[in-house]
PDB file of all heavy atoms in Angstrom:
ATOM      1  N   THR A   1       0.803  -1.222   0.001  1.00  0.00           N
ATOM      2  CA  THR A   1      -0.015   0.007   0.010  1.00  0.00           C
ATOM      3  C   THR A   1       0.857   1.276   0.017  1.00  0.00           C
ATOM      4  O   THR A   1       0.304   2.352  -0.085  1.00  0.00           O
ATOM      5  CB  THR A   1      -0.968   0.034   1.197  1.00  0.00           C
ATOM      6  OG1 THR A   1      -0.262  -0.439   2.348  1.00  0.00           O
ATOM      7  CG2 THR A   1      -2.142  -0.887   0.931  1.00  0.00           C
ATOM      8  N   ILE A   2       2.185   1.115   0.080  1.00  0.00           N
ATOM      9  CA  ILE A   2       3.056   2.252  -0.061  1.00  0.00           C
ATOM     10  C   ILE A   2       4.166   1.904  -1.062  1.00  0.00           C
ATOM     11  O   ILE A   2       4.851   0.891  -0.922  1.00  0.00           O
ATOM     12  CB  ILE A   2       3.762   2.617   1.284  1.00  0.00           C
ATOM     13  CG1 ILE A   2       2.686   2.851   2.390  1.00  0.00           C
ATOM     14  CG2 ILE A   2       4.622   3.893   1.140  1.00  0.00           C
ATOM     15  CD1 ILE A   2       2.380   1.658   3.228  1.00  0.00           C
ATOM     16  N   VAL A   3       4.278   2.690  -2.118  1.00  0.00           N
ATOM     17  CA  VAL A   3       5.228   2.409  -3.193  1.00  0.00           C
ATOM     18  C   VAL A   3       6.318   3.476  -3.206  1.00  0.00           C
ATOM     19  O   VAL A   3       6.013   4.675  -3.338  1.00  0.00           O
ATOM     20  CB  VAL A   3       4.512   2.361  -4.575  1.00  0.00           C
ATOM     21  CG1 VAL A   3       5.538   2.029  -5.654  1.00  0.00           C
ATOM     22  CG2 VAL A   3       3.386   1.338  -4.565  1.00  0.00           C
ATOM     23  N   LEU A   4       7.544   3.017  -3.018  1.00  0.00           N
ATOM     24  CA  LEU A   4       8.699   3.882  -3.056  1.00  0.00           C
ATOM     25  C   LEU A   4       9.217   3.877  -4.511  1.00  0.00           C
ATOM     26  O   LEU A   4       9.689   2.843  -5.002  1.00  0.00           O
ATOM     27  CB  LEU A   4       9.796   3.320  -2.112  1.00  0.00           C
ATOM     28  CG  LEU A   4      11.158   4.036  -2.047  1.00  0.00           C
ATOM     29  CD1 LEU A   4      11.052   5.479  -1.647  1.00  0.00           C
ATOM     30  CD2 LEU A   4      12.069   3.266  -1.080  1.00  0.00           C
ATOM     31  N   ILE A   5       9.093   4.980  -5.232  1.00  0.00           N
ATOM     32  CA  ILE A   5       9.232   5.020  -6.670  1.00  0.00           C
ATOM     33  C   ILE A   5      10.044   6.272  -7.050  1.00  0.00           C
ATOM     34  O   ILE A   5      10.041   7.258  -6.346  1.00  0.00           O
ATOM     35  CB  ILE A   5       7.843   4.976  -7.326  1.00  0.00           C
ATOM     36  CG1 ILE A   5       7.935   4.765  -8.835  1.00  0.00           C
ATOM     37  CG2 ILE A   5       7.003   6.225  -6.963  1.00  0.00           C
ATOM     38  CD1 ILE A   5       6.577   4.471  -9.472  1.00  0.00           C
ATOM     39  N   ASN A   6      10.699   6.166  -8.227  1.00  0.00           N
ATOM     40  CA  ASN A   6      11.545   7.291  -8.676  1.00  0.00           C
ATOM     41  C   ASN A   6      10.898   8.140  -9.761  1.00  0.00           C
ATOM     42  O   ASN A   6      11.546   8.748 -10.568  1.00  0.00           O
ATOM     43  CB  ASN A   6      12.901   6.758  -9.147  1.00  0.00           C
ATOM     44  CG  ASN A   6      12.762   5.729 -10.298  1.00  0.00           C
ATOM     45  OD1 ASN A   6      11.689   5.214 -10.558  1.00  0.00           O
ATOM     46  ND2 ASN A   6      13.874   5.436 -10.957  1.00  0.00           N
ATOM     47  N   LYS A   7       9.581   8.152  -9.794  1.00  0.00           N
ATOM     48  CA  LYS A   7       8.868   8.982 -10.764  1.00  0.00           C
ATOM     49  C   LYS A   7       7.536   9.405 -10.175  1.00  0.00           C
ATOM     50  O   LYS A   7       6.853   8.611  -9.468  1.00  0.00           O
ATOM     51  CB  LYS A   7       8.646   8.221 -12.083  1.00  0.00           C
ATOM     52  CG  LYS A   7       7.992   9.083 -13.163  1.00  0.00           C
ATOM     53  CD  LYS A   7       7.784   8.263 -14.451  1.00  0.00           C
ATOM     54  CE  LYS A   7       7.128   9.089 -15.520  1.00  0.00           C
ATOM     55  NZ  LYS A   7       6.894   8.336 -16.762  1.00  0.00           N
ATOM     56  N   LYS A   8       7.094  10.616 -10.473  1.00  0.00           N
ATOM     57  CA  LYS A   8       5.764  11.048 -10.029  1.00  0.00           C
ATOM     58  C   LYS A   8       4.727  10.419 -10.968  1.00  0.00           C
ATOM     59  O   LYS A   8       4.702  10.673 -12.165  1.00  0.00           O
ATOM     60  CB  LYS A   8       5.651  12.561 -10.063  1.00  0.00           C
ATOM     61  CG  LYS A   8       6.537  13.257  -8.964  1.00  0.00           C
ATOM     62  CD  LYS A   8       6.328  14.735  -8.974  1.00  0.00           C
ATOM     63  CE  LYS A   8       7.163  15.379  -7.861  1.00  0.00           C
ATOM     64  NZ  LYS A   8       7.036  16.829  -7.790  1.00  0.00           N
ATOM     65  N   VAL A   9       3.875   9.575 -10.414  1.00  0.00           N
ATOM     66  CA  VAL A   9       2.864   8.893 -11.138  1.00  0.00           C
ATOM     67  C   VAL A   9       1.529   9.027 -10.426  1.00  0.00           C
ATOM     68  O   VAL A   9       1.477   9.482  -9.307  1.00  0.00           O
ATOM     69  CB  VAL A   9       3.185   7.352 -11.330  1.00  0.00           C
ATOM     70  CG1 VAL A   9       4.439   7.165 -12.133  1.00  0.00           C
ATOM     71  CG2 VAL A   9       3.325   6.693  -9.948  1.00  0.00           C
ATOM     72  N   ALA A  10       0.439   8.665 -11.113  1.00  0.00           N
ATOM     73  CA  ALA A  10      -0.857   8.716 -10.452  1.00  0.00           C
ATOM     74  C   ALA A  10      -0.896   7.684  -9.329  1.00  0.00           C
ATOM     75  O   ALA A  10      -0.511   6.507  -9.532  1.00  0.00           O
ATOM     76  CB  ALA A  10      -1.940   8.414 -11.505  1.00  0.00           C
ATOM     77  N   CYS A  11      -1.348   8.111  -8.193  1.00  0.00           N
ATOM     78  CA  CYS A  11      -1.394   7.220  -7.019  1.00  0.00           C
ATOM     79  C   CYS A  11      -2.663   6.388  -7.051  1.00  0.00           C
ATOM     80  O   CYS A  11      -3.777   6.944  -7.089  1.00  0.00           O
ATOM     81  CB  CYS A  11      -1.310   8.057  -5.744  1.00  0.00           C
ATOM     82  SG  CYS A  11      -1.242   7.041  -4.267  1.00  0.00           S
ATOM     83  N   PRO A  12      -2.549   5.063  -6.986  1.00  0.00           N
ATOM     84  CA  PRO A  12      -3.754   4.213  -7.007  1.00  0.00           C
ATOM     85  C   PRO A  12      -4.586   4.504  -5.746  1.00  0.00           C
ATOM     86  O   PRO A  12      -4.042   4.878  -4.705  1.00  0.00           O
ATOM     87  CB  PRO A  12      -3.164   2.811  -6.936  1.00  0.00           C
ATOM     88  CG  PRO A  12      -1.766   2.896  -7.458  1.00  0.00           C
ATOM     89  CD  PRO A  12      -1.296   4.251  -7.039  1.00  0.00           C
ATOM     90  N   GLU A  13      -5.876   4.304  -5.884  1.00  0.00           N
ATOM     91  CA  GLU A  13      -6.804   4.518  -4.794  1.00  0.00           C
ATOM     92  C   GLU A  13      -6.441   3.642  -3.601  1.00  0.00           C
ATOM     93  O   GLU A  13      -6.182   2.436  -3.771  1.00  0.00           O
ATOM     94  CB  GLU A  13      -8.235   4.277  -5.228  1.00  0.00           C
ATOM     95  CG  GLU A  13      -9.296   4.598  -4.183  1.00  0.00           C
ATOM     96  CD  GLU A  13     -10.703   4.408  -4.665  1.00  0.00           C
ATOM     97  OE1 GLU A  13     -10.877   4.137  -5.866  1.00  0.00           O
ATOM     98  OE2 GLU A  13     -11.597   4.486  -3.846  1.00  0.00           O
ATOM     99  N   GLY A  14      -6.455   4.190  -2.417  1.00  0.00           N
ATOM    100  CA  GLY A  14      -6.202   3.446  -1.210  1.00  0.00           C
ATOM    101  C   GLY A  14      -4.690   3.205  -0.910  1.00  0.00           C
ATOM    102  O   GLY A  14      -4.325   2.489   0.006  1.00  0.00           O
ATOM    103  N   LYS A  15      -3.835   3.847  -1.745  1.00  0.00           N
ATOM    104  CA  LYS A  15      -2.390   3.652  -1.560  1.00  0.00           C
ATOM    105  C   LYS A  15      -1.718   5.026  -1.379  1.00  0.00           C
ATOM    106  O   LYS A  15      -2.336   6.053  -1.430  1.00  0.00           O
ATOM    107  CB  LYS A  15      -1.775   2.903  -2.757  1.00  0.00           C
ATOM    108  CG  LYS A  15      -2.342   1.499  -2.909  1.00  0.00           C
ATOM    109  CD  LYS A  15      -1.561   0.664  -3.884  1.00  0.00           C
ATOM    110  CE  LYS A  15      -2.132  -0.732  -3.967  1.00  0.00           C
ATOM    111  NZ  LYS A  15      -1.243  -1.625  -4.764  1.00  0.00           N
ATOM    112  N   ALA A  16      -0.382   4.955  -1.107  1.00  0.00           N
ATOM    113  CA  ALA A  16       0.417   6.151  -0.945  1.00  0.00           C
ATOM    114  C   ALA A  16       1.715   5.981  -1.679  1.00  0.00           C
ATOM    115  O   ALA A  16       2.176   4.865  -1.952  1.00  0.00           O
ATOM    116  CB  ALA A  16       0.697   6.428   0.523  1.00  0.00           C
ATOM    117  N   LEU A  17       2.359   7.071  -2.032  1.00  0.00           N
ATOM    118  CA  LEU A  17       3.624   7.055  -2.750  1.00  0.00           C
ATOM    119  C   LEU A  17       4.731   7.783  -1.938  1.00  0.00           C
ATOM    120  O   LEU A  17       4.456   8.742  -1.243  1.00  0.00           O
ATOM    121  CB  LEU A  17       3.496   7.704  -4.130  1.00  0.00           C
ATOM    122  CG  LEU A  17       2.471   7.197  -5.079  1.00  0.00           C
ATOM    123  CD1 LEU A  17       2.469   8.035  -6.355  1.00  0.00           C
ATOM    124  CD2 LEU A  17       2.711   5.720  -5.428  1.00  0.00           C
ATOM    125  N   LEU A  18       5.947   7.246  -2.056  1.00  0.00           N
ATOM    126  CA  LEU A  18       7.125   7.949  -1.617  1.00  0.00           C
ATOM    127  C   LEU A  18       7.987   8.212  -2.843  1.00  0.00           C
ATOM    128  O   LEU A  18       8.373   7.264  -3.549  1.00  0.00           O
ATOM    129  CB  LEU A  18       7.915   7.076  -0.607  1.00  0.00           C
ATOM    130  CG  LEU A  18       7.267   6.869   0.748  1.00  0.00           C
ATOM    131  CD1 LEU A  18       7.836   5.651   1.435  1.00  0.00           C
ATOM    132  CD2 LEU A  18       7.368   8.102   1.600  1.00  0.00           C
ATOM    133  N   ILE A  19       8.189   9.499  -3.169  1.00  0.00           N
ATOM    134  CA  ILE A  19       8.924   9.852  -4.392  1.00  0.00           C
ATOM    135  C   ILE A  19      10.365  10.073  -4.055  1.00  0.00           C
ATOM    136  O   ILE A  19      10.725  10.935  -3.261  1.00  0.00           O
ATOM    137  CB  ILE A  19       8.315  11.110  -5.023  1.00  0.00           C
ATOM    138  CG1 ILE A  19       6.780  11.015  -5.115  1.00  0.00           C
ATOM    139  CG2 ILE A  19       8.938  11.374  -6.400  1.00  0.00           C
ATOM    140  CD1 ILE A  19       6.263   9.871  -5.978  1.00  0.00           C
ATOM    141  N   SER A  20      11.257   9.279  -4.666  1.00  0.00           N
ATOM    142  CA  SER A  20      12.682   9.287  -4.359  1.00  0.00           C
ATOM    143  C   SER A  20      13.477   9.274  -5.658  1.00  0.00           C
ATOM    144  O   SER A  20      13.122   8.630  -6.617  1.00  0.00           O
ATOM    145  CB  SER A  20      13.011   8.048  -3.538  1.00  0.00           C
ATOM    146  OG  SER A  20      14.418   7.825  -3.514  1.00  0.00           O
ATOM    147  N   GLU A  21      14.637   9.941  -5.648  1.00  0.00           N
ATOM    148  CA  GLU A  21      15.478   9.906  -6.817  1.00  0.00           C
ATOM    149  C   GLU A  21      16.240   8.576  -6.867  1.00  0.00           C
ATOM    150  O   GLU A  21      16.776   8.197  -7.944  1.00  0.00           O
ATOM    151  CB  GLU A  21      16.527  11.050  -6.760  1.00  0.00           C
ATOM    152  CG  GLU A  21      17.476  11.030  -5.603  1.00  0.00           C
ATOM    153  CD  GLU A  21      18.467  12.158  -5.578  1.00  0.00           C
ATOM    154  OE1 GLU A  21      18.255  13.149  -6.297  1.00  0.00           O
ATOM    155  OE2 GLU A  21      19.470  12.049  -4.875  1.00  0.00           O
ATOM    156  N   ASP A  22      16.291   7.839  -5.780  1.00  0.00           N
ATOM    157  CA  ASP A  22      17.030   6.604  -5.706  1.00  0.00           C
ATOM    158  C   ASP A  22      16.316   5.621  -4.744  1.00  0.00           C
ATOM    159  O   ASP A  22      16.738   5.527  -3.550  1.00  0.00           O
ATOM    160  CB  ASP A  22      18.455   6.821  -5.304  1.00  0.00           C
ATOM    161  CG  ASP A  22      19.339   5.610  -5.495  1.00  0.00           C
ATOM    162  OD1 ASP A  22      18.840   4.493  -5.563  1.00  0.00           O
ATOM    163  OD2 ASP A  22      20.569   5.785  -5.658  1.00  0.00           O
ATOM    164  N   PRO A  23      15.264   4.914  -5.172  1.00  0.00           N
ATOM    165  CA  PRO A  23      14.554   4.032  -4.278  1.00  0.00           C
ATOM    166  C   PRO A  23      15.436   2.905  -3.692  1.00  0.00           C
ATOM    167  O   PRO A  23      15.207   2.505  -2.518  1.00  0.00           O
ATOM    168  CB  PRO A  23      13.451   3.451  -5.180  1.00  0.00           C
ATOM    169  CG  PRO A  23      13.228   4.520  -6.201  1.00  0.00           C
ATOM    170  CD  PRO A  23      14.579   5.041  -6.471  1.00  0.00           C
ATOM    171  N   PHE A  24      16.369   2.395  -4.457  1.00  0.00           N
ATOM    172  CA  PHE A  24      17.257   1.338  -3.980  1.00  0.00           C
ATOM    173  C   PHE A  24      18.014   1.856  -2.733  1.00  0.00           C
ATOM    174  O   PHE A  24      18.073   1.198  -1.693  1.00  0.00           O
ATOM    175  CB  PHE A  24      18.238   0.958  -5.070  1.00  0.00           C
ATOM    176  CG  PHE A  24      19.070  -0.263  -4.770  1.00  0.00           C
ATOM    177  CD1 PHE A  24      18.714  -1.514  -5.272  1.00  0.00           C
ATOM    178  CD2 PHE A  24      20.247  -0.204  -4.056  1.00  0.00           C
ATOM    179  CE1 PHE A  24      19.487  -2.656  -5.055  1.00  0.00           C
ATOM    180  CE2 PHE A  24      21.020  -1.287  -3.807  1.00  0.00           C
ATOM    181  CZ  PHE A  24      20.664  -2.510  -4.325  1.00  0.00           C
ATOM    182  N   ARG A  25      18.602   3.020  -2.875  1.00  0.00           N
ATOM    183  CA  ARG A  25      19.375   3.603  -1.764  1.00  0.00           C
ATOM    184  C   ARG A  25      18.476   3.841  -0.521  1.00  0.00           C
ATOM    185  O   ARG A  25      18.820   3.520   0.624  1.00  0.00           O
ATOM    186  CB  ARG A  25      19.952   4.960  -2.215  1.00  0.00           C
ATOM    187  CG  ARG A  25      20.669   5.750  -1.095  1.00  0.00           C
ATOM    188  CD  ARG A  25      20.769   7.204  -1.474  1.00  0.00           C
ATOM    189  NE  ARG A  25      19.421   7.828  -1.552  1.00  0.00           N
ATOM    190  CZ  ARG A  25      19.138   8.958  -2.212  1.00  0.00           C
ATOM    191  NH1 ARG A  25      20.090   9.576  -2.890  1.00  0.00           N
ATOM    192  NH2 ARG A  25      17.879   9.434  -2.149  1.00  0.00           N
ATOM    193  N   ASP A  26      17.252   4.336  -0.757  1.00  0.00           N
ATOM    194  CA  ASP A  26      16.345   4.681   0.353  1.00  0.00           C
ATOM    195  C   ASP A  26      15.757   3.477   1.002  1.00  0.00           C
ATOM    196  O   ASP A  26      15.459   3.452   2.199  1.00  0.00           O
ATOM    197  CB  ASP A  26      15.250   5.672  -0.118  1.00  0.00           C
ATOM    198  CG  ASP A  26      15.863   7.026  -0.403  1.00  0.00           C
ATOM    199  OD1 ASP A  26      16.904   7.348   0.117  1.00  0.00           O
ATOM    200  OD2 ASP A  26      15.207   7.805  -1.160  1.00  0.00           O
ATOM    201  N   PHE A  27      15.588   2.399   0.246  1.00  0.00           N
ATOM    202  CA  PHE A  27      15.165   1.112   0.837  1.00  0.00           C
ATOM    203  C   PHE A  27      16.248   0.615   1.806  1.00  0.00           C
ATOM    204  O   PHE A  27      15.962   0.126   2.902  1.00  0.00           O
ATOM    205  CB  PHE A  27      14.899   0.073  -0.260  1.00  0.00           C
ATOM    206  CG  PHE A  27      13.993  -1.053   0.150  1.00  0.00           C
ATOM    207  CD1 PHE A  27      12.663  -0.881   0.253  1.00  0.00           C
ATOM    208  CD2 PHE A  27      14.510  -2.317   0.374  1.00  0.00           C
ATOM    209  CE1 PHE A  27      11.808  -1.924   0.619  1.00  0.00           C
ATOM    210  CE2 PHE A  27      13.684  -3.396   0.722  1.00  0.00           C
ATOM    211  CZ  PHE A  27      12.327  -3.177   0.855  1.00  0.00           C
ATOM    212  N   ASN A  28      17.510   0.776   1.380  1.00  0.00           N
ATOM    213  CA  ASN A  28      18.631   0.407   2.266  1.00  0.00           C
ATOM    214  C   ASN A  28      18.660   1.287   3.530  1.00  0.00           C
ATOM    215  O   ASN A  28      18.928   0.793   4.614  1.00  0.00           O
ATOM    216  CB  ASN A  28      19.971   0.556   1.517  1.00  0.00           C
ATOM    217  CG  ASN A  28      20.341  -0.677   0.738  1.00  0.00           C
ATOM    218  OD1 ASN A  28      19.799  -1.760   0.953  1.00  0.00           O
ATOM    219  ND2 ASN A  28      21.305  -0.584  -0.147  1.00  0.00           N
ATOM    220  N   THR A  29      18.324   2.570   3.317  1.00  0.00           N
ATOM    221  CA  THR A  29      18.316   3.461   4.502  1.00  0.00           C
ATOM    222  C   THR A  29      17.282   2.994   5.512  1.00  0.00           C
ATOM    223  O   THR A  29      17.515   3.007   6.714  1.00  0.00           O
ATOM    224  CB  THR A  29      17.982   4.899   4.007  1.00  0.00           C
ATOM    225  OG1 THR A  29      19.012   5.341   3.112  1.00  0.00           O
ATOM    226  CG2 THR A  29      17.890   5.851   5.206  1.00  0.00           C
ATOM    227  N   LEU A  30      16.119   2.603   5.031  1.00  0.00           N
ATOM    228  CA  LEU A  30      15.067   2.095   5.929  1.00  0.00           C
ATOM    229  C   LEU A  30      15.470   0.788   6.627  1.00  0.00           C
ATOM    230  O   LEU A  30      15.223   0.566   7.811  1.00  0.00           O
ATOM    231  CB  LEU A  30      13.770   1.870   5.176  1.00  0.00           C
ATOM    232  CG  LEU A  30      13.095   3.176   4.697  1.00  0.00           C
ATOM    233  CD1 LEU A  30      11.904   2.856   3.790  1.00  0.00           C
ATOM    234  CD2 LEU A  30      12.626   4.017   5.883  1.00  0.00           C
ATOM    235  N   THR A  31      16.137  -0.124   5.871  1.00  0.00           N
ATOM    236  CA  THR A  31      16.621  -1.324   6.500  1.00  0.00           C
ATOM    237  C   THR A  31      17.607  -1.053   7.598  1.00  0.00           C
ATOM    238  O   THR A  31      17.535  -1.639   8.683  1.00  0.00           O
ATOM    239  CB  THR A  31      17.260  -2.263   5.442  1.00  0.00           C
ATOM    240  OG1 THR A  31      16.287  -2.584   4.434  1.00  0.00           O
ATOM    241  CG2 THR A  31      17.768  -3.569   6.065  1.00  0.00           C
ATOM    242  N   ASN A  32      18.529  -0.137   7.341  1.00  0.00           N
ATOM    243  CA  ASN A  32      19.526   0.228   8.381  1.00  0.00           C
ATOM    244  C   ASN A  32      18.863   0.907   9.572  1.00  0.00           C
ATOM    245  O   ASN A  32      19.343   0.767  10.716  1.00  0.00           O
ATOM    246  CB  ASN A  32      20.566   1.154   7.764  1.00  0.00           C
ATOM    247  CG  ASN A  32      21.650   0.352   7.055  1.00  0.00           C
ATOM    248  OD1 ASN A  32      22.011  -0.712   7.439  1.00  0.00           O
ATOM    249  ND2 ASN A  32      22.201   0.959   6.024  1.00  0.00           N
ATOM    250  N   PHE A  33      17.787   1.615   9.303  1.00  0.00           N
ATOM    251  CA  PHE A  33      17.080   2.294  10.403  1.00  0.00           C
ATOM    252  C   PHE A  33      16.348   1.347  11.310  1.00  0.00           C
ATOM    253  O   PHE A  33      16.446   1.417  12.557  1.00  0.00           O
ATOM    254  CB  PHE A  33      16.115   3.332   9.847  1.00  0.00           C
ATOM    255  CG  PHE A  33      15.361   4.126  10.874  1.00  0.00           C
ATOM    256  CD1 PHE A  33      15.907   5.341  11.356  1.00  0.00           C
ATOM    257  CD2 PHE A  33      14.157   3.729  11.389  1.00  0.00           C
ATOM    258  CE1 PHE A  33      15.248   6.106  12.308  1.00  0.00           C
ATOM    259  CE2 PHE A  33      13.482   4.483  12.355  1.00  0.00           C
ATOM    260  CZ  PHE A  33      14.057   5.649  12.826  1.00  0.00           C
ATOM    261  N   PHE A  34      15.658   0.368  10.706  1.00  0.00           N
ATOM    262  CA  PHE A  34      14.837  -0.540  11.489  1.00  0.00           C
ATOM    263  C   PHE A  34      15.564  -1.805  11.879  1.00  0.00           C
ATOM    264  O   PHE A  34      15.192  -2.454  12.896  1.00  0.00           O
ATOM    265  CB  PHE A  34      13.551  -0.921  10.700  1.00  0.00           C
ATOM    266  CG  PHE A  34      12.593   0.229  10.580  1.00  0.00           C
ATOM    267  CD1 PHE A  34      12.444   0.895   9.378  1.00  0.00           C
ATOM    268  CD2 PHE A  34      11.850   0.623  11.688  1.00  0.00           C
ATOM    269  CE1 PHE A  34      11.586   1.970   9.245  1.00  0.00           C
ATOM    270  CE2 PHE A  34      10.961   1.666  11.584  1.00  0.00           C
ATOM    271  CZ  PHE A  34      10.815   2.357  10.401  1.00  0.00           C
ATOM    272  N   LYS A  35      16.619  -2.234  11.195  1.00  0.00           N
ATOM    273  CA  LYS A  35      17.368  -3.420  11.498  1.00  0.00           C
ATOM    274  C   LYS A  35      18.858  -3.102  11.428  1.00  0.00           C
ATOM    275  O   LYS A  35      19.583  -3.716  10.635  1.00  0.00           O
ATOM    276  CB  LYS A  35      16.997  -4.573  10.568  1.00  0.00           C
ATOM    277  CG  LYS A  35      15.821  -5.448  10.965  1.00  0.00           C
ATOM    278  CD  LYS A  35      16.253  -6.479  12.057  1.00  0.00           C
ATOM    279  CE  LYS A  35      15.107  -7.434  12.344  1.00  0.00           C
ATOM    280  NZ  LYS A  35      14.906  -8.419  11.263  1.00  0.00           N
ATOM    281  N   PRO A  36      19.384  -2.211  12.241  1.00  0.00           N
ATOM    282  CA  PRO A  36      20.788  -1.870  12.199  1.00  0.00           C
ATOM    283  C   PRO A  36      21.639  -3.015  12.611  1.00  0.00           C
ATOM    284  O   PRO A  36      21.257  -3.829  13.464  1.00  0.00           O
ATOM    285  CB  PRO A  36      20.886  -0.700  13.150  1.00  0.00           C
ATOM    286  CG  PRO A  36      19.802  -0.865  14.141  1.00  0.00           C
ATOM    287  CD  PRO A  36      18.680  -1.485  13.345  1.00  0.00           C
ATOM    288  N   PHE A  37      22.859  -3.116  12.018  1.00  0.00           N
ATOM    289  CA  PHE A  37      23.779  -4.143  12.453  1.00  0.00           C
ATOM    290  C   PHE A  37      24.289  -3.818  13.847  1.00  0.00           C
ATOM    291  O   PHE A  37      24.634  -2.681  14.174  1.00  0.00           O
ATOM    292  CB  PHE A  37      24.995  -4.158  11.505  1.00  0.00           C
ATOM    293  CG  PHE A  37      26.085  -5.133  11.945  1.00  0.00           C
ATOM    294  CD1 PHE A  37      25.964  -6.476  11.813  1.00  0.00           C
ATOM    295  CD2 PHE A  37      27.255  -4.607  12.510  1.00  0.00           C
ATOM    296  CE1 PHE A  37      26.924  -7.350  12.253  1.00  0.00           C
ATOM    297  CE2 PHE A  37      28.254  -5.467  12.956  1.00  0.00           C
ATOM    298  CZ  PHE A  37      28.128  -6.814  12.830  1.00  0.00           C
TER     299      PHE A  37
END
């Protein structure tokens, strides 16, 4: 229900978007935040 994406697109009903220039990098940022070594 939340899509981390590198382009502004129409948001599907009932969902949310996170607009990022680098989703791969930011997915890693979230992993490090919630499951740090």
